[in-house]
């Protein structure tokens, strides 16, 4: 160049937008905050916590411990929680009637959280598998999962959860037509302000194993491929999304998360509703296992992973790292 220095003539140099932390922060396209998180919590009736071997760092909480965990996450900006119960075997039936027991563990947990943290948002799982002696998301007859009979039970479950104080109900069962039926059931009982977060694209994935360990809810027979989506299918998610939106869903979820970033993007590009991604137990366990062996930097990998969800189009992220990630963000002065 004119200064007798090496120069490759080029006007566009993208690295100029990466030259310092201040510039990188200024032009960053996607930012994750604790407000984007939903924190899943496992609960059980015992008065002690039970470690989950396949999910290091996660526990089945007693209800008192659950409240403490909510409080700990709350101080770092996490405001939304979803509850998953480990139900005693003697309470499990094919019809899953414990799912709508007003004095059941989930209903008591909702009331406890809303009493102590009234500004929190409590989300509930709507499905029968934790309550089923068959280990399936629906009612079983002659080895088949009954769609409409199951929906009848799910409506009872959702209304009972709303009555206990749930802000959002999240049907994860993948029965056809359940979003519309639940919307009508909620509205007819006066719960027009209770939101529905639909598990829209829930795949029959191998990544759910640790979660099923946590709830002791492995299928009693067969698999869930007749109601959960085929992992090979992407366009099918758009069919489910269109149906859920038309039936009154307020938010649409993709589950699992990282292996299905393309599906998150498809839904984001084709729907005006908020999109949620579930960073599922198998994904969590993989990161934990690699980090325990010193193969990965846990903080860096987790924060990158959560950012990837946002970049793909997720507005909401369900993650077992919610509290820890929010704490890391606070320590770094991000929020």
C-alpha atoms as a PDB file:
ATOM      1  CA  UNK A   1       0.000   0.000   0.000  1.00  0.00           C
ATOM      2  CA  UNK A   2       1.060   3.661   0.129  1.00  0.00           C
ATOM      3  CA  UNK A   3       2.817   2.972   3.430  1.00  0.00           C
ATOM      4  CA  UNK A   4       4.844   0.161   1.920  1.00  0.00           C
ATOM      5  CA  UNK A   5       2.874  -2.448   3.935  1.00  0.00           C
ATOM      6  CA  UNK A   6       1.386  -5.752   2.772  1.00  0.00           C
ATOM      7  CA  UNK A   7      -2.092  -5.090   1.439  1.00  0.00           C
ATOM      8  CA  UNK A   8      -4.619  -7.385  -0.223  1.00  0.00           C
ATOM      9  CA  UNK A   9      -6.963  -4.959  -2.034  1.00  0.00           C
ATOM     10  CA  UNK A  10     -10.507  -5.447  -0.746  1.00  0.00           C
ATOM     11  CA  UNK A  11     -13.110  -2.970   0.466  1.00  0.00           C
ATOM     12  CA  UNK A  12     -15.338  -5.384   2.394  1.00  0.00           C
ATOM     13  CA  UNK A  13     -13.656  -6.736   5.527  1.00  0.00           C
ATOM     14  CA  UNK A  14     -16.234  -8.463   7.788  1.00  0.00           C
ATOM     15  CA  UNK A  15     -13.634  -8.743  10.552  1.00  0.00           C
ATOM     16  CA  UNK A  16     -14.031  -5.013  11.222  1.00  0.00           C
ATOM     17  CA  UNK A  17     -17.343  -5.875  12.915  1.00  0.00           C
ATOM     18  CA  UNK A  18     -15.505  -8.317  15.194  1.00  0.00           C
ATOM     19  CA  UNK A  19     -12.476  -6.191  16.098  1.00  0.00           C
ATOM     20  CA  UNK A  20     -13.384  -5.588  19.755  1.00  0.00           C
ATOM     21  CA  UNK A  21     -15.797  -6.752  22.435  1.00  0.00           C
ATOM     22  CA  UNK A  22     -17.602  -3.409  22.269  1.00  0.00           C
ATOM     23  CA  UNK A  23     -18.173  -3.699  18.527  1.00  0.00           C
ATOM     24  CA  UNK A  24     -19.173  -7.364  18.756  1.00  0.00           C
ATOM     25  CA  UNK A  25     -21.690  -6.542  21.490  1.00  0.00           C
ATOM     26  CA  UNK A  26     -23.081  -3.647  19.455  1.00  0.00           C
ATOM     27  CA  UNK A  27     -23.789  -5.716  16.335  1.00  0.00           C
ATOM     28  CA  UNK A  28     -24.808  -8.981  18.000  1.00  0.00           C
ATOM     29  CA  UNK A  29     -27.960 -10.319  16.357  1.00  0.00           C
ATOM     30  CA  UNK A  30     -29.298 -12.607  19.089  1.00  0.00           C
ATOM     31  CA  UNK A  31     -29.171 -12.160  22.850  1.00  0.00           C
ATOM     32  CA  UNK A  32     -30.442 -14.686  25.395  1.00  0.00           C
ATOM     33  CA  UNK A  33     -31.719 -13.420  28.758  1.00  0.00           C
ATOM     34  CA  UNK A  34     -33.085 -15.248  31.810  1.00  0.00           C
ATOM     35  CA  UNK A  35     -36.526 -13.994  30.808  1.00  0.00           C
ATOM     36  CA  UNK A  36     -36.372 -16.426  27.867  1.00  0.00           C
ATOM     37  CA  UNK A  37     -36.036 -19.461  30.144  1.00  0.00           C
ATOM     38  CA  UNK A  38     -38.538 -21.940  31.499  1.00  0.00           C
ATOM     39  CA  UNK A  39     -36.953 -23.956  34.304  1.00  0.00           C
ATOM     40  CA  UNK A  40     -38.156 -27.588  34.545  1.00  0.00           C
ATOM     41  CA  UNK A  41     -38.364 -28.931  38.095  1.00  0.00           C
ATOM     42  CA  UNK A  42     -38.864 -32.552  39.125  1.00  0.00           C
ATOM     43  CA  UNK A  43     -40.888 -33.039  42.301  1.00  0.00           C
ATOM     44  CA  UNK A  44     -41.900 -35.966  44.510  1.00  0.00           C
ATOM     45  CA  UNK A  45     -43.748 -36.574  47.739  1.00  0.00           C
ATOM     46  CA  UNK A  46     -40.726 -37.539  49.838  1.00  0.00           C
ATOM     47  CA  UNK A  47     -39.325 -35.034  52.324  1.00  0.00           C
ATOM     48  CA  UNK A  48     -35.812 -35.399  50.931  1.00  0.00           C
ATOM     49  CA  UNK A  49     -34.218 -34.818  47.533  1.00  0.00           C
ATOM     50  CA  UNK A  50     -33.271 -37.690  45.269  1.00  0.00           C
ATOM     51  CA  UNK A  51     -30.359 -37.249  42.863  1.00  0.00           C
ATOM     52  CA  UNK A  52     -30.999 -38.317  39.257  1.00  0.00           C
ATOM     53  CA  UNK A  53     -27.980 -40.358  38.216  1.00  0.00           C
ATOM     54  CA  UNK A  54     -28.426 -39.793  34.480  1.00  0.00           C
ATOM     55  CA  UNK A  55     -28.875 -36.030  34.960  1.00  0.00           C
ATOM     56  CA  UNK A  56     -26.006 -34.837  37.189  1.00  0.00           C
ATOM     57  CA  UNK A  57     -26.959 -31.695  39.061  1.00  0.00           C
ATOM     58  CA  UNK A  58     -30.707 -32.366  38.808  1.00  0.00           C
ATOM     59  CA  UNK A  59     -32.840 -33.802  41.588  1.00  0.00           C
ATOM     60  CA  UNK A  60     -36.327 -34.881  42.422  1.00  0.00           C
ATOM     61  CA  UNK A  61     -37.208 -32.109  44.845  1.00  0.00           C
ATOM     62  CA  UNK A  62     -39.335 -32.277  47.942  1.00  0.00           C
ATOM     63  CA  UNK A  63     -41.957 -29.530  47.835  1.00  0.00           C
ATOM     64  CA  UNK A  64     -40.000 -27.456  50.353  1.00  0.00           C
ATOM     65  CA  UNK A  65     -36.825 -27.863  48.298  1.00  0.00           C
ATOM     66  CA  UNK A  66     -38.790 -26.942  45.163  1.00  0.00           C
ATOM     67  CA  UNK A  67     -39.717 -23.617  46.752  1.00  0.00           C
ATOM     68  CA  UNK A  68     -36.095 -22.950  47.639  1.00  0.00           C
ATOM     69  CA  UNK A  69     -34.989 -23.796  44.103  1.00  0.00           C
ATOM     70  CA  UNK A  70     -37.598 -21.430  42.680  1.00  0.00           C
ATOM     71  CA  UNK A  71     -36.333 -18.710  45.005  1.00  0.00           C
ATOM     72  CA  UNK A  72     -32.712 -19.323  44.052  1.00  0.00           C
ATOM     73  CA  UNK A  73     -33.522 -19.111  40.331  1.00  0.00           C
ATOM     74  CA  UNK A  74     -35.772 -16.114  40.897  1.00  0.00           C
ATOM     75  CA  UNK A  75     -32.912 -13.981  42.190  1.00  0.00           C
ATOM     76  CA  UNK A  76     -31.102 -14.463  38.865  1.00  0.00           C
ATOM     77  CA  UNK A  77     -34.094 -13.406  36.771  1.00  0.00           C
ATOM     78  CA  UNK A  78     -35.744 -16.751  36.005  1.00  0.00           C
ATOM     79  CA  UNK A  79     -39.478 -16.245  36.395  1.00  0.00           C
ATOM     80  CA  UNK A  80     -41.117 -19.227  34.675  1.00  0.00           C
ATOM     81  CA  UNK A  81     -41.134 -22.813  35.935  1.00  0.00           C
ATOM     82  CA  UNK A  82     -42.623 -26.072  34.672  1.00  0.00           C
ATOM     83  CA  UNK A  83     -43.406 -28.952  37.025  1.00  0.00           C
ATOM     84  CA  UNK A  84     -42.883 -32.665  36.402  1.00  0.00           C
ATOM     85  CA  UNK A  85     -44.002 -35.119  39.105  1.00  0.00           C
ATOM     86  CA  UNK A  86     -42.686 -38.513  40.133  1.00  0.00           C
ATOM     87  CA  UNK A  87     -45.927 -40.256  41.067  1.00  0.00           C
ATOM     88  CA  UNK A  88     -46.109 -43.246  43.406  1.00  0.00           C
ATOM     89  CA  UNK A  89     -46.851 -46.529  41.632  1.00  0.00           C
ATOM     90  CA  UNK A  90     -49.947 -47.182  43.722  1.00  0.00           C
ATOM     91  CA  UNK A  91     -51.523 -43.999  42.348  1.00  0.00           C
ATOM     92  CA  UNK A  92     -50.986 -44.934  38.707  1.00  0.00           C
ATOM     93  CA  UNK A  93     -53.922 -46.204  36.630  1.00  0.00           C
ATOM     94  CA  UNK A  94     -54.673 -46.652  32.955  1.00  0.00           C
ATOM     95  CA  UNK A  95     -57.018 -43.636  33.026  1.00  0.00           C
ATOM     96  CA  UNK A  96     -54.480 -41.572  34.948  1.00  0.00           C
ATOM     97  CA  UNK A  97     -57.122 -40.192  37.295  1.00  0.00           C
ATOM     98  CA  UNK A  98     -54.485 -38.892  39.730  1.00  0.00           C
ATOM     99  CA  UNK A  99     -53.642 -36.317  37.044  1.00  0.00           C
ATOM    100  CA  UNK A 100     -56.661 -34.255  38.035  1.00  0.00           C
ATOM    101  CA  UNK A 101     -56.660 -34.854  41.793  1.00  0.00           C
ATOM    102  CA  UNK A 102     -57.012 -31.325  43.259  1.00  0.00           C
ATOM    103  CA  UNK A 103     -54.843 -32.398  46.178  1.00  0.00           C
ATOM    104  CA  UNK A 104     -52.246 -34.118  44.016  1.00  0.00           C
ATOM    105  CA  UNK A 105     -48.610 -33.159  44.145  1.00  0.00           C
ATOM    106  CA  UNK A 106     -48.656 -30.864  41.113  1.00  0.00           C
ATOM    107  CA  UNK A 107     -51.722 -28.968  42.305  1.00  0.00           C
ATOM    108  CA  UNK A 108     -50.209 -28.417  45.750  1.00  0.00           C
ATOM    109  CA  UNK A 109     -46.918 -27.371  44.177  1.00  0.00           C
ATOM    110  CA  UNK A 110     -48.663 -24.800  41.979  1.00  0.00           C
ATOM    111  CA  UNK A 111     -50.410 -23.266  44.986  1.00  0.00           C
ATOM    112  CA  UNK A 112     -47.178 -23.175  46.992  1.00  0.00           C
ATOM    113  CA  UNK A 113     -45.254 -21.387  44.261  1.00  0.00           C
ATOM    114  CA  UNK A 114     -48.003 -18.887  43.517  1.00  0.00           C
ATOM    115  CA  UNK A 115     -48.466 -18.143  47.223  1.00  0.00           C
ATOM    116  CA  UNK A 116     -44.776 -17.410  47.799  1.00  0.00           C
ATOM    117  CA  UNK A 117     -43.887 -15.993  44.373  1.00  0.00           C
ATOM    118  CA  UNK A 118     -47.120 -14.468  43.049  1.00  0.00           C
ATOM    119  CA  UNK A 119     -45.353 -12.767  40.131  1.00  0.00           C
ATOM    120  CA  UNK A 120     -43.892 -16.036  38.884  1.00  0.00           C
ATOM    121  CA  UNK A 121     -45.318 -17.909  35.910  1.00  0.00           C
ATOM    122  CA  UNK A 122     -46.153 -21.545  36.587  1.00  0.00           C
ATOM    123  CA  UNK A 123     -46.420 -23.927  33.667  1.00  0.00           C
ATOM    124  CA  UNK A 124     -47.752 -27.478  33.910  1.00  0.00           C
ATOM    125  CA  UNK A 125     -47.331 -30.586  31.826  1.00  0.00           C
ATOM    126  CA  UNK A 126     -50.576 -31.986  30.435  1.00  0.00           C
ATOM    127  CA  UNK A 127     -50.116 -35.682  29.699  1.00  0.00           C
ATOM    128  CA  UNK A 128     -50.939 -38.969  31.388  1.00  0.00           C
ATOM    129  CA  UNK A 129     -47.577 -40.746  31.339  1.00  0.00           C
ATOM    130  CA  UNK A 130     -46.480 -39.807  34.910  1.00  0.00           C
ATOM    131  CA  UNK A 131     -49.861 -41.093  36.147  1.00  0.00           C
ATOM    132  CA  UNK A 132     -50.233 -44.114  33.869  1.00  0.00           C
ATOM    133  CA  UNK A 133     -49.601 -47.698  34.901  1.00  0.00           C
ATOM    134  CA  UNK A 134     -48.922 -48.302  31.198  1.00  0.00           C
ATOM    135  CA  UNK A 135     -46.151 -45.691  30.918  1.00  0.00           C
ATOM    136  CA  UNK A 136     -47.830 -44.010  27.960  1.00  0.00           C
ATOM    137  CA  UNK A 137     -49.145 -40.493  27.371  1.00  0.00           C
ATOM    138  CA  UNK A 138     -52.662 -41.758  26.815  1.00  0.00           C
ATOM    139  CA  UNK A 139     -55.239 -44.350  27.774  1.00  0.00           C
ATOM    140  CA  UNK A 140     -54.415 -47.831  26.485  1.00  0.00           C
ATOM    141  CA  UNK A 141     -56.819 -50.435  25.129  1.00  0.00           C
ATOM    142  CA  UNK A 142     -55.697 -53.661  23.428  1.00  0.00           C
ATOM    143  CA  UNK A 143     -52.204 -52.242  22.986  1.00  0.00           C
ATOM    144  CA  UNK A 144     -53.465 -49.066  21.285  1.00  0.00           C
ATOM    145  CA  UNK A 145     -53.341 -45.490  22.560  1.00  0.00           C
ATOM    146  CA  UNK A 146     -56.895 -44.122  22.476  1.00  0.00           C
ATOM    147  CA  UNK A 147     -56.912 -40.596  21.082  1.00  0.00           C
ATOM    148  CA  UNK A 148     -60.316 -39.194  22.033  1.00  0.00           C
ATOM    149  CA  UNK A 149     -60.651 -40.973  25.367  1.00  0.00           C
ATOM    150  CA  UNK A 150     -57.246 -39.585  26.295  1.00  0.00           C
ATOM    151  CA  UNK A 151     -58.297 -36.048  25.343  1.00  0.00           C
ATOM    152  CA  UNK A 152     -61.234 -36.310  27.718  1.00  0.00           C
ATOM    153  CA  UNK A 153     -58.794 -37.032  30.545  1.00  0.00           C
ATOM    154  CA  UNK A 154     -56.415 -34.292  29.460  1.00  0.00           C
ATOM    155  CA  UNK A 155     -59.179 -31.710  29.580  1.00  0.00           C
ATOM    156  CA  UNK A 156     -59.934 -32.671  33.176  1.00  0.00           C
ATOM    157  CA  UNK A 157     -56.237 -32.437  33.980  1.00  0.00           C
ATOM    158  CA  UNK A 158     -55.774 -29.014  32.379  1.00  0.00           C
ATOM    159  CA  UNK A 159     -58.844 -27.502  34.041  1.00  0.00           C
ATOM    160  CA  UNK A 160     -57.803 -28.834  37.444  1.00  0.00           C
ATOM    161  CA  UNK A 161     -54.335 -27.338  36.998  1.00  0.00           C
ATOM    162  CA  UNK A 162     -55.815 -23.985  36.003  1.00  0.00           C
ATOM    163  CA  UNK A 163     -58.066 -24.117  39.037  1.00  0.00           C
ATOM    164  CA  UNK A 164     -54.974 -24.633  41.210  1.00  0.00           C
ATOM    165  CA  UNK A 165     -53.396 -21.501  39.734  1.00  0.00           C
ATOM    166  CA  UNK A 166     -51.408 -22.590  36.674  1.00  0.00           C
ATOM    167  CA  UNK A 167     -50.661 -19.738  34.282  1.00  0.00           C
ATOM    168  CA  UNK A 168     -49.755 -21.936  31.311  1.00  0.00           C
ATOM    169  CA  UNK A 169     -50.748 -25.507  30.492  1.00  0.00           C
ATOM    170  CA  UNK A 170     -48.512 -27.440  28.135  1.00  0.00           C
ATOM    171  CA  UNK A 171     -50.044 -30.519  26.475  1.00  0.00           C
ATOM    172  CA  UNK A 172     -47.158 -32.852  25.640  1.00  0.00           C
ATOM    173  CA  UNK A 173     -49.210 -35.919  24.725  1.00  0.00           C
ATOM    174  CA  UNK A 174     -49.414 -35.431  20.928  1.00  0.00           C
ATOM    175  CA  UNK A 175     -53.033 -36.576  20.635  1.00  0.00           C
ATOM    176  CA  UNK A 176     -54.818 -35.184  17.566  1.00  0.00           C
ATOM    177  CA  UNK A 177     -57.191 -32.336  18.440  1.00  0.00           C
ATOM    178  CA  UNK A 178     -56.221 -31.961  22.064  1.00  0.00           C
ATOM    179  CA  UNK A 179     -55.306 -28.252  21.872  1.00  0.00           C
ATOM    180  CA  UNK A 180     -58.767 -27.228  20.709  1.00  0.00           C
ATOM    181  CA  UNK A 181     -60.486 -29.467  23.236  1.00  0.00           C
ATOM    182  CA  UNK A 182     -58.350 -28.115  26.091  1.00  0.00           C
ATOM    183  CA  UNK A 183     -58.940 -24.518  24.952  1.00  0.00           C
ATOM    184  CA  UNK A 184     -62.691 -25.080  24.973  1.00  0.00           C
ATOM    185  CA  UNK A 185     -62.561 -26.836  28.351  1.00  0.00           C
ATOM    186  CA  UNK A 186     -60.570 -23.995  29.919  1.00  0.00           C
ATOM    187  CA  UNK A 187     -62.766 -21.293  28.433  1.00  0.00           C
ATOM    188  CA  UNK A 188     -65.989 -22.991  29.484  1.00  0.00           C
ATOM    189  CA  UNK A 189     -64.763 -22.958  33.087  1.00  0.00           C
ATOM    190  CA  UNK A 190     -63.781 -19.280  32.955  1.00  0.00           C
ATOM    191  CA  UNK A 191     -60.029 -19.759  32.460  1.00  0.00           C
ATOM    192  CA  UNK A 192     -59.770 -17.661  29.315  1.00  0.00           C
ATOM    193  CA  UNK A 193     -56.478 -16.125  30.505  1.00  0.00           C
ATOM    194  CA  UNK A 194     -54.695 -19.452  30.957  1.00  0.00           C
ATOM    195  CA  UNK A 195     -52.269 -19.926  28.081  1.00  0.00           C
ATOM    196  CA  UNK A 196     -51.577 -23.078  26.077  1.00  0.00           C
ATOM    197  CA  UNK A 197     -47.976 -23.908  25.219  1.00  0.00           C
ATOM    198  CA  UNK A 198     -48.454 -26.726  22.725  1.00  0.00           C
ATOM    199  CA  UNK A 199     -45.843 -29.418  22.265  1.00  0.00           C
ATOM    200  CA  UNK A 200     -46.353 -28.997  18.536  1.00  0.00           C
ATOM    201  CA  UNK A 201     -43.400 -30.867  17.088  1.00  0.00           C
ATOM    202  CA  UNK A 202     -42.568 -33.490  19.697  1.00  0.00           C
ATOM    203  CA  UNK A 203     -40.495 -36.218  18.136  1.00  0.00           C
ATOM    204  CA  UNK A 204     -40.224 -39.896  19.055  1.00  0.00           C
ATOM    205  CA  UNK A 205     -36.667 -39.268  20.136  1.00  0.00           C
ATOM    206  CA  UNK A 206     -33.962 -41.312  21.804  1.00  0.00           C
ATOM    207  CA  UNK A 207     -32.935 -38.214  23.780  1.00  0.00           C
ATOM    208  CA  UNK A 208     -35.638 -38.577  26.452  1.00  0.00           C
ATOM    209  CA  UNK A 209     -34.141 -41.432  28.468  1.00  0.00           C
ATOM    210  CA  UNK A 210     -32.827 -39.447  31.471  1.00  0.00           C
ATOM    211  CA  UNK A 211     -36.157 -37.602  31.796  1.00  0.00           C
ATOM    212  CA  UNK A 212     -37.996 -40.911  31.965  1.00  0.00           C
ATOM    213  CA  UNK A 213     -35.532 -42.023  34.642  1.00  0.00           C
ATOM    214  CA  UNK A 214     -36.427 -38.913  36.629  1.00  0.00           C
ATOM    215  CA  UNK A 215     -40.165 -39.621  36.484  1.00  0.00           C
ATOM    216  CA  UNK A 216     -39.972 -43.417  36.358  1.00  0.00           C
ATOM    217  CA  UNK A 217     -42.183 -43.171  33.282  1.00  0.00           C
ATOM    218  CA  UNK A 218     -40.590 -45.397  30.670  1.00  0.00           C
ATOM    219  CA  UNK A 219     -43.200 -46.958  28.344  1.00  0.00           C
ATOM    220  CA  UNK A 220     -44.594 -50.154  29.807  1.00  0.00           C
ATOM    221  CA  UNK A 221     -44.622 -51.697  26.340  1.00  0.00           C
ATOM    222  CA  UNK A 222     -43.577 -50.755  22.847  1.00  0.00           C
ATOM    223  CA  UNK A 223     -42.685 -47.168  22.055  1.00  0.00           C
ATOM    224  CA  UNK A 224     -44.409 -43.846  21.368  1.00  0.00           C
ATOM    225  CA  UNK A 225     -44.028 -43.773  17.605  1.00  0.00           C
ATOM    226  CA  UNK A 226     -47.778 -43.919  16.890  1.00  0.00           C
ATOM    227  CA  UNK A 227     -48.310 -40.483  18.405  1.00  0.00           C
ATOM    228  CA  UNK A 228     -44.953 -38.693  18.540  1.00  0.00           C
ATOM    229  CA  UNK A 229     -43.447 -37.507  15.260  1.00  0.00           C
ATOM    230  CA  UNK A 230     -40.962 -39.416  13.124  1.00  0.00           C
ATOM    231  CA  UNK A 231     -37.469 -37.860  13.523  1.00  0.00           C
ATOM    232  CA  UNK A 232     -37.034 -38.153   9.757  1.00  0.00           C
ATOM    233  CA  UNK A 233     -39.861 -35.688   9.056  1.00  0.00           C
ATOM    234  CA  UNK A 234     -39.550 -31.912   8.913  1.00  0.00           C
ATOM    235  CA  UNK A 235     -42.544 -30.721   6.862  1.00  0.00           C
ATOM    236  CA  UNK A 236     -44.896 -32.659   9.120  1.00  0.00           C
ATOM    237  CA  UNK A 237     -44.142 -30.143  11.869  1.00  0.00           C
ATOM    238  CA  UNK A 238     -45.823 -27.466   9.758  1.00  0.00           C
ATOM    239  CA  UNK A 239     -49.009 -29.546   9.633  1.00  0.00           C
ATOM    240  CA  UNK A 240     -49.005 -29.836  13.427  1.00  0.00           C
ATOM    241  CA  UNK A 241     -48.215 -26.133  13.817  1.00  0.00           C
ATOM    242  CA  UNK A 242     -51.092 -25.063  11.590  1.00  0.00           C
ATOM    243  CA  UNK A 243     -53.511 -27.294  13.494  1.00  0.00           C
ATOM    244  CA  UNK A 244     -52.337 -26.147  16.930  1.00  0.00           C
ATOM    245  CA  UNK A 245     -52.547 -22.489  15.949  1.00  0.00           C
ATOM    246  CA  UNK A 246     -56.042 -22.925  14.510  1.00  0.00           C
ATOM    247  CA  UNK A 247     -57.144 -24.694  17.701  1.00  0.00           C
ATOM    248  CA  UNK A 248     -56.049 -21.837  19.948  1.00  0.00           C
ATOM    249  CA  UNK A 249     -52.447 -22.522  20.979  1.00  0.00           C
ATOM    250  CA  UNK A 250     -50.642 -19.431  22.267  1.00  0.00           C
ATOM    251  CA  UNK A 251     -47.094 -20.794  21.834  1.00  0.00           C
ATOM    252  CA  UNK A 252     -45.594 -23.666  19.846  1.00  0.00           C
ATOM    253  CA  UNK A 253     -42.821 -25.963  21.063  1.00  0.00           C
ATOM    254  CA  UNK A 254     -40.214 -28.103  19.339  1.00  0.00           C
ATOM    255  CA  UNK A 255     -38.806 -31.051  21.286  1.00  0.00           C
ATOM    256  CA  UNK A 256     -35.925 -32.047  21.357  1.00  0.00           C
ATOM    257  CA  UNK A 257     -33.935 -28.890  20.734  1.00  0.00           C
ATOM    258  CA  UNK A 258     -30.397 -29.004  19.341  1.00  0.00           C
ATOM    259  CA  UNK A 259     -30.920 -31.887  16.870  1.00  0.00           C
ATOM    260  CA  UNK A 260     -34.045 -30.088  15.577  1.00  0.00           C
ATOM    261  CA  UNK A 261     -32.835 -26.512  15.018  1.00  0.00           C
ATOM    262  CA  UNK A 262     -34.064 -26.814  11.434  1.00  0.00           C
ATOM    263  CA  UNK A 263     -37.584 -27.512  12.695  1.00  0.00           C
ATOM    264  CA  UNK A 264     -37.429 -24.508  15.016  1.00  0.00           C
ATOM    265  CA  UNK A 265     -36.519 -22.367  12.027  1.00  0.00           C
ATOM    266  CA  UNK A 266     -39.323 -23.853   9.903  1.00  0.00           C
ATOM    267  CA  UNK A 267     -41.894 -23.000  12.565  1.00  0.00           C
ATOM    268  CA  UNK A 268     -40.450 -19.519  13.090  1.00  0.00           C
ATOM    269  CA  UNK A 269     -40.648 -18.809   9.369  1.00  0.00           C
ATOM    270  CA  UNK A 270     -44.208 -20.081   9.062  1.00  0.00           C
ATOM    271  CA  UNK A 271     -45.947 -18.935  12.242  1.00  0.00           C
ATOM    272  CA  UNK A 272     -46.493 -15.627  13.985  1.00  0.00           C
ATOM    273  CA  UNK A 273     -46.786 -17.365  17.364  1.00  0.00           C
ATOM    274  CA  UNK A 274     -43.868 -17.489  19.835  1.00  0.00           C
ATOM    275  CA  UNK A 275     -41.686 -20.565  19.386  1.00  0.00           C
ATOM    276  CA  UNK A 276     -40.273 -22.605  22.274  1.00  0.00           C
ATOM    277  CA  UNK A 277     -37.403 -25.087  22.208  1.00  0.00           C
ATOM    278  CA  UNK A 278     -36.928 -27.831  24.791  1.00  0.00           C
ATOM    279  CA  UNK A 279     -33.270 -28.481  25.587  1.00  0.00           C
ATOM    280  CA  UNK A 280     -34.071 -32.017  26.674  1.00  0.00           C
ATOM    281  CA  UNK A 281     -32.575 -34.342  29.246  1.00  0.00           C
ATOM    282  CA  UNK A 282     -30.433 -36.301  26.798  1.00  0.00           C
ATOM    283  CA  UNK A 283     -28.860 -33.108  25.470  1.00  0.00           C
ATOM    284  CA  UNK A 284     -28.225 -31.956  29.036  1.00  0.00           C
ATOM    285  CA  UNK A 285     -26.709 -35.314  30.000  1.00  0.00           C
ATOM    286  CA  UNK A 286     -24.389 -35.297  26.979  1.00  0.00           C
ATOM    287  CA  UNK A 287     -22.983 -31.896  27.923  1.00  0.00           C
ATOM    288  CA  UNK A 288     -22.619 -32.929  31.567  1.00  0.00           C
ATOM    289  CA  UNK A 289     -20.815 -36.155  30.649  1.00  0.00           C
ATOM    290  CA  UNK A 290     -18.353 -34.402  28.352  1.00  0.00           C
ATOM    291  CA  UNK A 291     -17.674 -31.652  30.879  1.00  0.00           C
ATOM    292  CA  UNK A 292     -17.158 -34.117  33.732  1.00  0.00           C
ATOM    293  CA  UNK A 293     -14.411 -35.692  31.616  1.00  0.00           C
ATOM    294  CA  UNK A 294     -12.811 -32.333  30.943  1.00  0.00           C
ATOM    295  CA  UNK A 295     -13.567 -32.505  27.238  1.00  0.00           C
ATOM    296  CA  UNK A 296     -15.656 -29.325  27.111  1.00  0.00           C
ATOM    297  CA  UNK A 297     -15.869 -25.999  28.939  1.00  0.00           C
ATOM    298  CA  UNK A 298     -19.332 -26.269  30.502  1.00  0.00           C
ATOM    299  CA  UNK A 299     -20.125 -22.565  30.800  1.00  0.00           C
ATOM    300  CA  UNK A 300     -18.965 -21.740  27.279  1.00  0.00           C
ATOM    301  CA  UNK A 301     -20.770 -24.703  25.705  1.00  0.00           C
ATOM    302  CA  UNK A 302     -24.035 -24.107  27.554  1.00  0.00           C
ATOM    303  CA  UNK A 303     -24.211 -20.399  26.749  1.00  0.00           C
ATOM    304  CA  UNK A 304     -23.370 -21.120  23.114  1.00  0.00           C
ATOM    305  CA  UNK A 305     -26.049 -23.809  22.978  1.00  0.00           C
ATOM    306  CA  UNK A 306     -28.711 -21.499  24.365  1.00  0.00           C
ATOM    307  CA  UNK A 307     -27.699 -18.801  21.900  1.00  0.00           C
ATOM    308  CA  UNK A 308     -28.048 -21.328  19.068  1.00  0.00           C
ATOM    309  CA  UNK A 309     -31.674 -21.881  20.040  1.00  0.00           C
ATOM    310  CA  UNK A 310     -32.306 -18.141  19.889  1.00  0.00           C
ATOM    311  CA  UNK A 311     -30.512 -17.805  16.550  1.00  0.00           C
ATOM    312  CA  UNK A 312     -32.607 -20.640  15.088  1.00  0.00           C
ATOM    313  CA  UNK A 313     -35.778 -18.775  16.046  1.00  0.00           C
ATOM    314  CA  UNK A 314     -36.714 -19.826  19.580  1.00  0.00           C
ATOM    315  CA  UNK A 315     -38.281 -17.128  21.746  1.00  0.00           C
ATOM    316  CA  UNK A 316     -38.554 -19.454  24.757  1.00  0.00           C
ATOM    317  CA  UNK A 317     -36.053 -22.065  25.959  1.00  0.00           C
ATOM    318  CA  UNK A 318     -36.896 -24.858  28.385  1.00  0.00           C
ATOM    319  CA  UNK A 319     -33.591 -25.911  29.909  1.00  0.00           C
ATOM    320  CA  UNK A 320     -32.324 -27.665  33.009  1.00  0.00           C
ATOM    321  CA  UNK A 321     -29.492 -25.125  32.893  1.00  0.00           C
ATOM    322  CA  UNK A 322     -31.872 -22.187  33.435  1.00  0.00           C
ATOM    323  CA  UNK A 323     -30.696 -21.273  36.930  1.00  0.00           C
ATOM    324  CA  UNK A 324     -27.018 -21.931  36.251  1.00  0.00           C
ATOM    325  CA  UNK A 325     -27.038 -20.054  32.943  1.00  0.00           C
ATOM    326  CA  UNK A 326     -28.808 -17.094  34.532  1.00  0.00           C
ATOM    327  CA  UNK A 327     -26.227 -17.093  37.324  1.00  0.00           C
ATOM    328  CA  UNK A 328     -23.369 -17.123  34.807  1.00  0.00           C
ATOM    329  CA  UNK A 329     -24.998 -14.202  32.985  1.00  0.00           C
ATOM    330  CA  UNK A 330     -25.306 -12.270  36.230  1.00  0.00           C
ATOM    331  CA  UNK A 331     -21.688 -12.959  37.151  1.00  0.00           C
ATOM    332  CA  UNK A 332     -20.591 -11.695  33.737  1.00  0.00           C
ATOM    333  CA  UNK A 333     -22.583  -8.515  34.233  1.00  0.00           C
ATOM    334  CA  UNK A 334     -24.888  -9.220  31.325  1.00  0.00           C
ATOM    335  CA  UNK A 335     -28.114  -8.741  33.314  1.00  0.00           C
END
